[in-house]
Amino acid sequence: MRLKKATETKSDYHINIFFSKEDAGYIADIPDLKSCSAWGKTPQEALKQVLIARDLWLASMREHGKRVPKPRYRPMIYQAAV
């Protein structure tokens, strides 16, 4: 399986990053990609890890001939601005 680098993959997917007291660190997730999330000690580390997870998630879907969802998630703050 050949992985695309994060810079080669179109990054239209929204990424949430939030602190989790329970996990004692930051969680990053991509709502459009089911179960695609990552943990980091800092927001930057969580972002770095979720970009790796995103690339692996997309590569796995393509390798198995499954449909890759188009980016659709928009946080409420952006929906209200339209």
N, C-alpha and C. Protein backbone atom coordinates (compact mmCIF):
# COMPACT_ATOMS: atom_id res chain seq x y z
N MET A 1 0.84 -1.17 0.00
CA MET A 1 0.00 0.00 0.00
C MET A 1 0.89 1.24 0.00
N ARG A 2 0.71 2.12 -0.96
CA ARG A 2 1.46 3.37 -1.03
C ARG A 2 0.62 4.47 -0.39
N LEU A 3 1.19 5.15 0.58
CA LEU A 3 0.48 6.23 1.25
C LEU A 3 0.86 7.57 0.63
N LYS A 4 -0.12 8.42 0.51
CA LYS A 4 0.17 9.78 0.08
C LYS A 4 0.62 10.57 1.29
N LYS A 5 1.54 11.47 1.08
CA LYS A 5 1.95 12.36 2.16
C LYS A 5 0.80 13.32 2.42
N ALA A 6 0.74 13.86 3.64
CA ALA A 6 -0.33 14.79 4.01
C ALA A 6 -0.40 15.96 3.04
N THR A 7 0.75 16.38 2.52
CA THR A 7 0.76 17.52 1.61
C THR A 7 0.20 17.14 0.24
N GLU A 8 0.15 15.83 -0.08
CA GLU A 8 -0.38 15.38 -1.36
C GLU A 8 -1.89 15.14 -1.30
N THR A 9 -2.43 15.03 -0.09
CA THR A 9 -3.84 14.71 0.08
C THR A 9 -4.62 16.00 0.26
N LYS A 10 -5.69 16.14 -0.49
CA LYS A 10 -6.51 17.34 -0.35
C LYS A 10 -7.08 17.37 1.06
N SER A 11 -6.93 18.48 1.72
CA SER A 11 -7.31 18.58 3.13
C SER A 11 -8.59 19.41 3.30
N ASP A 12 -9.68 18.93 2.74
CA ASP A 12 -10.95 19.63 2.89
C ASP A 12 -11.75 19.11 4.08
N TYR A 13 -11.25 18.10 4.75
CA TYR A 13 -11.97 17.52 5.87
C TYR A 13 -11.78 18.39 7.12
N HIS A 14 -12.89 18.70 7.77
CA HIS A 14 -12.83 19.48 9.00
C HIS A 14 -12.20 18.63 10.10
N ILE A 15 -11.35 19.25 10.91
CA ILE A 15 -10.71 18.56 12.02
C ILE A 15 -11.08 19.29 13.31
N ASN A 16 -11.63 18.54 14.27
CA ASN A 16 -11.90 19.06 15.60
C ASN A 16 -10.72 18.71 16.49
N ILE A 17 -10.30 19.66 17.33
CA ILE A 17 -9.26 19.38 18.32
C ILE A 17 -9.76 19.93 19.65
N PHE A 18 -9.74 19.08 20.67
CA PHE A 18 -10.23 19.51 21.98
C PHE A 18 -9.45 18.80 23.09
N PHE A 19 -9.42 19.45 24.26
CA PHE A 19 -8.73 18.85 25.40
C PHE A 19 -9.66 17.87 26.09
N SER A 20 -9.13 16.71 26.43
CA SER A 20 -9.88 15.69 27.16
C SER A 20 -9.21 15.47 28.51
N LYS A 21 -9.88 15.91 29.56
CA LYS A 21 -9.35 15.72 30.91
C LYS A 21 -9.22 14.22 31.21
N GLU A 22 -10.23 13.45 30.78
CA GLU A 22 -10.24 12.00 31.01
C GLU A 22 -9.02 11.32 30.37
N ASP A 23 -8.63 11.79 29.18
CA ASP A 23 -7.50 11.20 28.46
C ASP A 23 -6.19 11.93 28.74
N ALA A 24 -6.25 12.99 29.52
CA ALA A 24 -5.07 13.79 29.88
C ALA A 24 -4.28 14.24 28.65
N GLY A 25 -5.01 14.70 27.65
CA GLY A 25 -4.37 15.20 26.44
C GLY A 25 -5.40 15.70 25.45
N TYR A 26 -4.95 15.94 24.26
CA TYR A 26 -5.80 16.50 23.22
C TYR A 26 -6.27 15.41 22.26
N ILE A 27 -7.51 15.50 21.86
CA ILE A 27 -8.10 14.58 20.90
C ILE A 27 -8.35 15.36 19.62
N ALA A 28 -8.00 14.78 18.50
CA ALA A 28 -8.31 15.36 17.19
C ALA A 28 -9.15 14.31 16.46
N ASP A 29 -10.24 14.77 15.86
CA ASP A 29 -11.05 13.84 15.08
C ASP A 29 -11.54 14.49 13.80
N ILE A 30 -11.89 13.63 12.84
CA ILE A 30 -12.39 14.08 11.54
C ILE A 30 -13.80 13.51 11.41
N PRO A 31 -14.83 14.33 11.64
CA PRO A 31 -16.20 13.85 11.65
C PRO A 31 -16.64 13.12 10.37
N ASP A 32 -16.13 13.51 9.23
CA ASP A 32 -16.53 12.89 7.97
C ASP A 32 -15.94 11.48 7.78
N LEU A 33 -14.92 11.14 8.55
CA LEU A 33 -14.26 9.85 8.41
C LEU A 33 -14.52 9.05 9.69
N LYS A 34 -15.45 8.11 9.61
CA LYS A 34 -15.92 7.37 10.78
C LYS A 34 -14.75 6.77 11.57
N SER A 35 -14.74 7.09 12.85
CA SER A 35 -13.74 6.57 13.81
C SER A 35 -12.32 7.03 13.52
N CYS A 36 -12.15 8.10 12.79
CA CYS A 36 -10.81 8.62 12.50
C CYS A 36 -10.47 9.68 13.55
N SER A 37 -9.62 9.31 14.50
CA SER A 37 -9.25 10.24 15.56
C SER A 37 -7.84 9.91 16.05
N ALA A 38 -7.30 10.81 16.84
CA ALA A 38 -5.95 10.61 17.36
C ALA A 38 -5.78 11.40 18.66
N TRP A 39 -4.76 11.06 19.41
CA TRP A 39 -4.46 11.68 20.69
C TRP A 39 -3.07 12.29 20.64
N GLY A 40 -2.89 13.38 21.40
CA GLY A 40 -1.58 13.99 21.53
C GLY A 40 -1.46 14.74 22.84
N LYS A 41 -0.24 14.94 23.31
CA LYS A 41 -0.01 15.71 24.53
C LYS A 41 -0.32 17.19 24.30
N THR A 42 -0.16 17.64 23.06
CA THR A 42 -0.42 19.03 22.69
C THR A 42 -1.39 19.05 21.51
N PRO A 43 -2.04 20.20 21.26
CA PRO A 43 -2.91 20.28 20.08
C PRO A 43 -2.14 19.99 18.78
N GLN A 44 -0.90 20.47 18.72
CA GLN A 44 -0.08 20.25 17.52
C GLN A 44 0.22 18.77 17.30
N GLU A 45 0.51 18.05 18.38
CA GLU A 45 0.79 16.62 18.27
C GLU A 45 -0.47 15.85 17.86
N ALA A 46 -1.62 16.24 18.44
CA ALA A 46 -2.89 15.59 18.07
C ALA A 46 -3.18 15.82 16.59
N LEU A 47 -2.94 17.04 16.10
CA LEU A 47 -3.16 17.34 14.69
C LEU A 47 -2.23 16.50 13.81
N LYS A 48 -0.96 16.45 14.17
CA LYS A 48 0.01 15.65 13.40
C LYS A 48 -0.44 14.20 13.32
N GLN A 49 -0.87 13.65 14.44
CA GLN A 49 -1.28 12.25 14.49
C GLN A 49 -2.58 11.99 13.71
N VAL A 50 -3.53 12.93 13.76
CA VAL A 50 -4.78 12.71 13.03
C VAL A 50 -4.56 12.84 11.52
N LEU A 51 -3.59 13.62 11.09
CA LEU A 51 -3.28 13.69 9.66
C LEU A 51 -2.70 12.35 9.18
N ILE A 52 -1.90 11.72 10.03
CA ILE A 52 -1.40 10.38 9.69
C ILE A 52 -2.56 9.40 9.64
N ALA A 53 -3.43 9.46 10.65
CA ALA A 53 -4.59 8.56 10.69
C ALA A 53 -5.48 8.78 9.47
N ARG A 54 -5.66 10.05 9.06
CA ARG A 54 -6.48 10.36 7.88
C ARG A 54 -5.90 9.70 6.63
N ASP A 55 -4.59 9.84 6.45
CA ASP A 55 -3.96 9.26 5.27
C ASP A 55 -4.10 7.74 5.24
N LEU A 56 -3.94 7.11 6.40
CA LEU A 56 -4.10 5.66 6.48
C LEU A 56 -5.55 5.24 6.25
N TRP A 57 -6.49 6.01 6.81
CA TRP A 57 -7.92 5.73 6.64
C TRP A 57 -8.29 5.79 5.17
N LEU A 58 -7.89 6.86 4.49
CA LEU A 58 -8.21 7.03 3.07
C LEU A 58 -7.55 5.95 2.22
N ALA A 59 -6.28 5.63 2.52
CA ALA A 59 -5.56 4.59 1.76
C ALA A 59 -6.25 3.24 1.92
N SER A 60 -6.69 2.93 3.13
CA SER A 60 -7.36 1.65 3.38
C SER A 60 -8.68 1.56 2.62
N MET A 61 -9.44 2.63 2.61
CA MET A 61 -10.71 2.64 1.88
C MET A 61 -10.47 2.40 0.39
N ARG A 62 -9.49 3.10 -0.15
CA ARG A 62 -9.19 2.96 -1.59
C ARG A 62 -8.69 1.55 -1.90
N GLU A 63 -7.82 1.02 -1.04
CA GLU A 63 -7.26 -0.31 -1.25
C GLU A 63 -8.35 -1.39 -1.26
N HIS A 64 -9.38 -1.19 -0.46
CA HIS A 64 -10.47 -2.17 -0.37
C HIS A 64 -11.64 -1.84 -1.30
N GLY A 65 -11.44 -0.86 -2.19
CA GLY A 65 -12.46 -0.51 -3.17
C GLY A 65 -13.71 0.11 -2.57
N LYS A 66 -13.57 0.72 -1.41
CA LYS A 66 -14.73 1.34 -0.76
C LYS A 66 -14.80 2.82 -1.12
N ARG A 67 -16.01 3.33 -1.02
CA ARG A 67 -16.25 4.73 -1.35
C ARG A 67 -15.62 5.65 -0.29
N VAL A 68 -14.91 6.65 -0.76
CA VAL A 68 -14.33 7.66 0.13
C VAL A 68 -15.33 8.80 0.23
N PRO A 69 -15.80 9.11 1.43
CA PRO A 69 -16.80 10.18 1.56
C PRO A 69 -16.23 11.55 1.22
N LYS A 70 -17.07 12.37 0.62
CA LYS A 70 -16.68 13.75 0.35
C LYS A 70 -16.79 14.55 1.64
N PRO A 71 -15.96 15.57 1.78
CA PRO A 71 -16.06 16.42 2.98
C PRO A 71 -17.43 17.11 3.02
N ARG A 72 -18.15 16.93 4.11
CA ARG A 72 -19.47 17.55 4.25
C ARG A 72 -19.65 18.27 5.58
N TYR A 73 -18.94 17.85 6.61
CA TYR A 73 -19.15 18.39 7.94
C TYR A 73 -18.81 19.88 7.98
N ARG A 74 -19.72 20.65 8.55
CA ARG A 74 -19.47 22.08 8.79
C ARG A 74 -19.93 22.40 10.20
N PRO A 75 -19.05 22.92 11.04
CA PRO A 75 -19.46 23.28 12.40
C PRO A 75 -20.59 24.30 12.37
N MET A 76 -21.41 24.29 13.39
CA MET A 76 -22.56 25.20 13.47
C MET A 76 -22.18 26.65 13.29
N ILE A 77 -21.03 27.05 13.80
CA ILE A 77 -20.62 28.45 13.69
C ILE A 77 -20.51 28.89 12.23
N TYR A 78 -20.07 27.98 11.34
CA TYR A 78 -19.96 28.31 9.92
C TYR A 78 -21.30 28.21 9.23
N GLN A 79 -22.17 27.31 9.68
CA GLN A 79 -23.49 27.18 9.10
C GLN A 79 -24.31 28.42 9.37
N ALA A 80 -24.19 29.00 10.55
CA ALA A 80 -24.94 30.18 10.92
C ALA A 80 -24.49 31.41 10.14
N ALA A 81 -23.23 31.42 9.70
CA ALA A 81 -22.67 32.59 9.00
C ALA A 81 -23.15 32.70 7.56
N VAL A 82 -23.75 31.65 7.02
CA VAL A 82 -24.15 31.65 5.61
C VAL A 82 -25.44 32.37 5.39
